[in-house]
Amino acid sequence: MVLGSVAVNRDGIRMGKGAGYSDLEFALLTEAGLISPETLVVTTVHALQVVDGPIPATEHDVSVDLIVTPDEVITCPTPHRPSGILWDHLAPEKIAAIPVLQHRHASR
């Protein structure tokens, strides 16, 4: 699986555009059995997007196994994989705005 990133550190913690849609898609696909712990998760970025410092992350954030730049492939040590949707991390407004989340929330 390829995830877009605005920035990523060498631990594989990534920052997207900030709305959490990649993490939600990952969680939905995990719950559907289409992503497993063996699924390789990659991001492609320019070398300038690889940062040395920490990037804030929460329990629902997906990190990457590999970072690919034009100059190198970086293997990340311990990628984080949420096991599914963390409902307590979602605002009711976000659930209401996304039909698949509405459906999944109603059938819990």
N, C-alpha and C. Protein backbone atom coordinates (compact mmCIF):
# COMPACT_ATOMS: atom_id res chain seq x y z
N MET A 1 0.85 -1.16 0.00
CA MET A 1 0.00 0.00 0.00
C MET A 1 0.90 1.22 0.00
N VAL A 2 0.56 2.20 -0.83
CA VAL A 2 1.33 3.43 -0.90
C VAL A 2 0.51 4.54 -0.25
N LEU A 3 1.10 5.21 0.75
CA LEU A 3 0.45 6.33 1.42
C LEU A 3 1.17 7.62 1.05
N GLY A 4 0.41 8.66 0.80
CA GLY A 4 1.01 9.96 0.55
C GLY A 4 1.48 10.57 1.86
N SER A 5 2.52 11.38 1.77
CA SER A 5 3.06 12.03 2.96
C SER A 5 3.53 13.44 2.63
N VAL A 6 3.28 14.34 3.55
CA VAL A 6 3.83 15.69 3.46
C VAL A 6 5.24 15.66 4.04
N ALA A 7 5.42 14.89 5.11
CA ALA A 7 6.72 14.69 5.73
C ALA A 7 6.72 13.33 6.41
N VAL A 8 7.91 12.77 6.58
CA VAL A 8 8.05 11.47 7.24
C VAL A 8 9.41 11.44 7.93
N ASN A 9 9.49 10.78 9.08
CA ASN A 9 10.81 10.64 9.70
C ASN A 9 11.32 9.21 9.50
N ARG A 10 12.56 8.98 9.87
CA ARG A 10 13.19 7.68 9.59
C ARG A 10 12.62 6.54 10.43
N ASP A 11 11.76 6.86 11.39
CA ASP A 11 11.04 5.82 12.13
C ASP A 11 9.77 5.40 11.39
N GLY A 12 9.45 6.09 10.31
CA GLY A 12 8.27 5.75 9.52
C GLY A 12 7.02 6.49 9.93
N ILE A 13 7.15 7.40 10.88
CA ILE A 13 5.99 8.20 11.28
C ILE A 13 5.80 9.29 10.24
N ARG A 14 4.59 9.36 9.71
CA ARG A 14 4.32 10.26 8.60
C ARG A 14 3.29 11.30 8.97
N MET A 15 3.33 12.37 8.23
CA MET A 15 2.33 13.41 8.35
C MET A 15 1.70 13.57 6.98
N GLY A 16 0.37 13.45 6.96
CA GLY A 16 -0.35 13.66 5.70
C GLY A 16 -0.84 15.09 5.65
N LYS A 17 -2.00 15.28 5.05
CA LYS A 17 -2.55 16.63 4.95
C LYS A 17 -3.33 17.03 6.20
N GLY A 18 -3.51 16.11 7.13
CA GLY A 18 -4.08 16.47 8.42
C GLY A 18 -5.51 16.08 8.69
N ALA A 19 -6.21 15.52 7.74
CA ALA A 19 -7.61 15.16 7.98
C ALA A 19 -7.78 13.71 8.43
N GLY A 20 -6.74 12.89 8.30
CA GLY A 20 -6.80 11.51 8.77
C GLY A 20 -7.48 10.54 7.83
N TYR A 21 -7.70 10.93 6.57
CA TYR A 21 -8.41 10.05 5.65
C TYR A 21 -7.60 8.80 5.29
N SER A 22 -6.29 8.92 5.14
CA SER A 22 -5.47 7.73 4.86
C SER A 22 -5.56 6.73 6.00
N ASP A 23 -5.54 7.23 7.24
CA ASP A 23 -5.63 6.35 8.40
C ASP A 23 -7.00 5.67 8.47
N LEU A 24 -8.05 6.40 8.14
CA LEU A 24 -9.40 5.81 8.12
C LEU A 24 -9.52 4.75 7.04
N GLU A 25 -9.01 5.04 5.84
CA GLU A 25 -9.04 4.05 4.76
C GLU A 25 -8.27 2.80 5.17
N PHE A 26 -7.11 2.98 5.78
CA PHE A 26 -6.32 1.85 6.24
C PHE A 26 -7.10 1.02 7.26
N ALA A 27 -7.75 1.69 8.20
CA ALA A 27 -8.53 1.00 9.23
C ALA A 27 -9.69 0.22 8.62
N LEU A 28 -10.40 0.83 7.67
CA LEU A 28 -11.51 0.15 7.01
C LEU A 28 -11.03 -1.07 6.23
N LEU A 29 -9.93 -0.93 5.51
CA LEU A 29 -9.39 -2.06 4.76
C LEU A 29 -8.86 -3.16 5.68
N THR A 30 -8.32 -2.78 6.83
CA THR A 30 -7.87 -3.77 7.81
C THR A 30 -9.07 -4.56 8.34
N GLU A 31 -10.12 -3.85 8.72
CA GLU A 31 -11.32 -4.54 9.23
C GLU A 31 -11.95 -5.44 8.18
N ALA A 32 -11.81 -5.08 6.91
CA ALA A 32 -12.36 -5.89 5.82
C ALA A 32 -11.46 -7.08 5.47
N GLY A 33 -10.30 -7.18 6.12
CA GLY A 33 -9.39 -8.28 5.85
C GLY A 33 -8.54 -8.10 4.61
N LEU A 34 -8.52 -6.89 4.06
CA LEU A 34 -7.77 -6.63 2.84
C LEU A 34 -6.35 -6.14 3.11
N ILE A 35 -6.09 -5.76 4.34
CA ILE A 35 -4.74 -5.39 4.79
C ILE A 35 -4.44 -6.25 6.00
N SER A 36 -3.24 -6.81 6.01
CA SER A 36 -2.81 -7.65 7.13
C SER A 36 -1.52 -7.08 7.71
N PRO A 37 -1.04 -7.64 8.80
CA PRO A 37 0.25 -7.18 9.35
C PRO A 37 1.42 -7.37 8.36
N GLU A 38 1.24 -8.26 7.38
CA GLU A 38 2.29 -8.51 6.39
C GLU A 38 2.24 -7.54 5.22
N THR A 39 1.19 -6.73 5.12
CA THR A 39 1.07 -5.77 4.01
C THR A 39 2.18 -4.73 4.11
N LEU A 40 2.93 -4.57 3.04
CA LEU A 40 4.00 -3.59 2.99
C LEU A 40 3.39 -2.20 2.78
N VAL A 41 3.77 -1.25 3.61
CA VAL A 41 3.26 0.11 3.52
C VAL A 41 4.44 1.02 3.19
N VAL A 42 4.29 1.78 2.10
CA VAL A 42 5.38 2.57 1.55
C VAL A 42 4.92 4.01 1.33
N THR A 43 5.84 4.95 1.44
CA THR A 43 5.58 6.31 1.00
C THR A 43 6.71 6.72 0.07
N THR A 44 6.39 7.53 -0.90
CA THR A 44 7.39 8.09 -1.80
C THR A 44 7.42 9.59 -1.57
N VAL A 45 8.61 10.12 -1.32
CA VAL A 45 8.77 11.54 -1.04
C VAL A 45 10.09 12.03 -1.62
N HIS A 46 10.22 13.34 -1.71
CA HIS A 46 11.51 13.95 -2.03
C HIS A 46 12.38 13.86 -0.78
N ALA A 47 13.67 13.83 -0.94
CA ALA A 47 14.58 13.72 0.21
C ALA A 47 14.36 14.85 1.22
N LEU A 48 13.94 16.03 0.76
CA LEU A 48 13.70 17.15 1.67
C LEU A 48 12.51 16.91 2.60
N GLN A 49 11.65 15.94 2.26
CA GLN A 49 10.48 15.63 3.08
C GLN A 49 10.78 14.63 4.19
N VAL A 50 11.99 14.09 4.20
CA VAL A 50 12.41 13.19 5.26
C VAL A 50 13.03 14.05 6.36
N VAL A 51 12.39 14.08 7.51
CA VAL A 51 12.85 14.94 8.60
C VAL A 51 13.55 14.11 9.68
N ASP A 52 14.49 14.75 10.36
CA ASP A 52 15.24 14.06 11.40
C ASP A 52 14.54 14.06 12.75
N GLY A 53 13.72 15.06 13.01
CA GLY A 53 13.08 15.18 14.31
C GLY A 53 11.83 14.35 14.44
N PRO A 54 11.25 14.40 15.63
CA PRO A 54 10.01 13.65 15.87
C PRO A 54 8.82 14.27 15.14
N ILE A 55 7.87 13.43 14.78
CA ILE A 55 6.59 13.84 14.22
C ILE A 55 5.53 13.32 15.18
N PRO A 56 4.61 14.18 15.61
CA PRO A 56 3.58 13.71 16.54
C PRO A 56 2.74 12.61 15.90
N ALA A 57 2.39 11.62 16.69
CA ALA A 57 1.54 10.52 16.21
C ALA A 57 0.60 10.09 17.32
N THR A 58 -0.55 9.59 16.91
CA THR A 58 -1.52 9.05 17.86
C THR A 58 -1.71 7.57 17.58
N GLU A 59 -2.53 6.94 18.37
CA GLU A 59 -2.78 5.50 18.25
C GLU A 59 -3.39 5.12 16.90
N HIS A 60 -4.15 6.02 16.27
CA HIS A 60 -4.80 5.68 15.00
C HIS A 60 -3.92 5.94 13.78
N ASP A 61 -2.76 6.58 13.96
CA ASP A 61 -1.89 6.89 12.84
C ASP A 61 -1.15 5.66 12.33
N VAL A 62 -1.12 5.50 11.02
CA VAL A 62 -0.40 4.41 10.37
C VAL A 62 1.00 4.90 10.02
N SER A 63 2.01 4.12 10.35
CA SER A 63 3.36 4.47 9.92
C SER A 63 3.77 3.54 8.77
N VAL A 64 4.91 3.83 8.17
CA VAL A 64 5.31 3.10 6.97
C VAL A 64 6.48 2.16 7.24
N ASP A 65 6.57 1.14 6.38
CA ASP A 65 7.69 0.20 6.43
C ASP A 65 8.89 0.74 5.66
N LEU A 66 8.59 1.39 4.54
CA LEU A 66 9.66 1.89 3.66
C LEU A 66 9.38 3.32 3.23
N ILE A 67 10.45 4.09 3.13
CA ILE A 67 10.40 5.43 2.57
C ILE A 67 11.27 5.39 1.32
N VAL A 68 10.70 5.79 0.19
CA VAL A 68 11.44 5.79 -1.06
C VAL A 68 11.62 7.23 -1.51
N THR A 69 12.88 7.64 -1.68
CA THR A 69 13.21 8.96 -2.21
C THR A 69 13.93 8.73 -3.54
N PRO A 70 14.19 9.79 -4.30
CA PRO A 70 14.96 9.59 -5.53
C PRO A 70 16.36 9.03 -5.28
N ASP A 71 16.87 9.19 -4.04
CA ASP A 71 18.24 8.80 -3.76
C ASP A 71 18.42 7.56 -2.89
N GLU A 72 17.37 7.17 -2.14
CA GLU A 72 17.55 6.04 -1.23
C GLU A 72 16.22 5.37 -0.88
N VAL A 73 16.33 4.17 -0.36
CA VAL A 73 15.20 3.45 0.22
C VAL A 73 15.53 3.27 1.69
N ILE A 74 14.64 3.78 2.55
CA ILE A 74 14.87 3.75 3.99
C ILE A 74 13.93 2.71 4.60
N THR A 75 14.49 1.75 5.29
CA THR A 75 13.70 0.75 6.00
C THR A 75 13.42 1.27 7.40
N CYS A 76 12.16 1.29 7.79
CA CYS A 76 11.76 1.82 9.09
C CYS A 76 11.69 0.68 10.10
N PRO A 77 12.14 0.94 11.33
CA PRO A 77 12.33 -0.15 12.29
C PRO A 77 11.08 -0.84 12.82
N THR A 78 10.08 -0.12 13.25
CA THR A 78 8.91 -0.74 13.88
C THR A 78 7.64 -0.01 13.49
N PRO A 79 7.12 -0.31 12.32
CA PRO A 79 5.90 0.38 11.87
C PRO A 79 4.70 0.08 12.76
N HIS A 80 3.85 1.09 12.91
CA HIS A 80 2.65 0.96 13.73
C HIS A 80 1.44 0.68 12.84
N ARG A 81 0.64 -0.31 13.23
CA ARG A 81 -0.57 -0.68 12.49
C ARG A 81 -1.76 -0.72 13.43
N PRO A 82 -2.68 0.21 13.31
CA PRO A 82 -3.92 0.09 14.09
C PRO A 82 -4.70 -1.15 13.64
N SER A 83 -5.43 -1.76 14.53
CA SER A 83 -6.15 -2.99 14.20
C SER A 83 -7.50 -2.72 13.55
N GLY A 84 -7.91 -1.47 13.48
CA GLY A 84 -9.20 -1.12 12.88
C GLY A 84 -9.56 0.30 13.26
N ILE A 85 -10.82 0.63 13.09
CA ILE A 85 -11.29 1.98 13.40
C ILE A 85 -11.32 2.19 14.91
N LEU A 86 -10.76 3.27 15.34
CA LEU A 86 -10.81 3.64 16.75
C LEU A 86 -11.92 4.68 16.90
N TRP A 87 -13.10 4.18 17.20
CA TRP A 87 -14.30 5.03 17.19
C TRP A 87 -14.21 6.18 18.17
N ASP A 88 -13.55 5.97 19.28
CA ASP A 88 -13.45 7.05 20.27
C ASP A 88 -12.52 8.18 19.82
N HIS A 89 -11.82 8.00 18.70
CA HIS A 89 -10.98 9.04 18.12
C HIS A 89 -11.73 9.87 17.08
N LEU A 90 -12.96 9.48 16.76
CA LEU A 90 -13.71 10.15 15.70
C LEU A 90 -14.81 11.05 16.28
N ALA A 91 -14.84 12.26 15.78
CA ALA A 91 -15.92 13.18 16.18
C ALA A 91 -17.22 12.75 15.51
N PRO A 92 -18.36 12.94 16.17
CA PRO A 92 -19.64 12.60 15.56
C PRO A 92 -19.84 13.27 14.20
N GLU A 93 -19.33 14.48 14.04
CA GLU A 93 -19.46 15.20 12.77
C GLU A 93 -18.72 14.48 11.64
N LYS A 94 -17.57 13.91 11.96
CA LYS A 94 -16.81 13.18 10.93
C LYS A 94 -17.54 11.90 10.54
N ILE A 95 -18.06 11.19 11.52
CA ILE A 95 -18.84 9.97 11.23
C ILE A 95 -20.03 10.32 10.36
N ALA A 96 -20.74 11.40 10.69
CA ALA A 96 -21.92 11.81 9.93
C ALA A 96 -21.59 12.25 8.51
N ALA A 97 -20.38 12.74 8.30
CA ALA A 97 -19.99 13.26 6.98
C ALA A 97 -19.51 12.18 6.01
N ILE A 98 -19.24 10.97 6.51
CA ILE A 98 -18.67 9.91 5.67
C ILE A 98 -19.62 8.72 5.69
N PRO A 99 -20.32 8.47 4.58
CA PRO A 99 -21.35 7.42 4.55
C PRO A 99 -20.88 6.05 5.02
N VAL A 100 -19.70 5.62 4.63
CA VAL A 100 -19.25 4.28 5.05
C VAL A 100 -19.05 4.23 6.56
N LEU A 101 -18.63 5.33 7.17
CA LEU A 101 -18.51 5.37 8.62
C LEU A 101 -19.88 5.37 9.30
N GLN A 102 -20.84 6.08 8.71
CA GLN A 102 -22.20 6.06 9.23
C GLN A 102 -22.72 4.63 9.28
N HIS A 103 -22.56 3.92 8.17
CA HIS A 103 -23.04 2.55 8.07
C HIS A 103 -22.35 1.63 9.08
N ARG A 104 -21.01 1.72 9.15
CA ARG A 104 -20.25 0.87 10.07
C ARG A 104 -20.59 1.19 11.52
N HIS A 105 -20.77 2.46 11.83
CA HIS A 105 -21.08 2.87 13.20
C HIS A 105 -22.46 2.35 13.61
N ALA A 106 -23.42 2.43 12.70
CA ALA A 106 -24.77 1.97 13.00
C ALA A 106 -24.84 0.45 13.20
N SER A 107 -23.92 -0.28 12.54
CA SER A 107 -23.98 -1.75 12.63
C SER A 107 -23.05 -2.31 13.71
N ARG A 108 -22.50 -1.45 14.55
CA ARG A 108 -21.61 -1.94 15.62
C ARG A 108 -22.40 -2.55 16.74
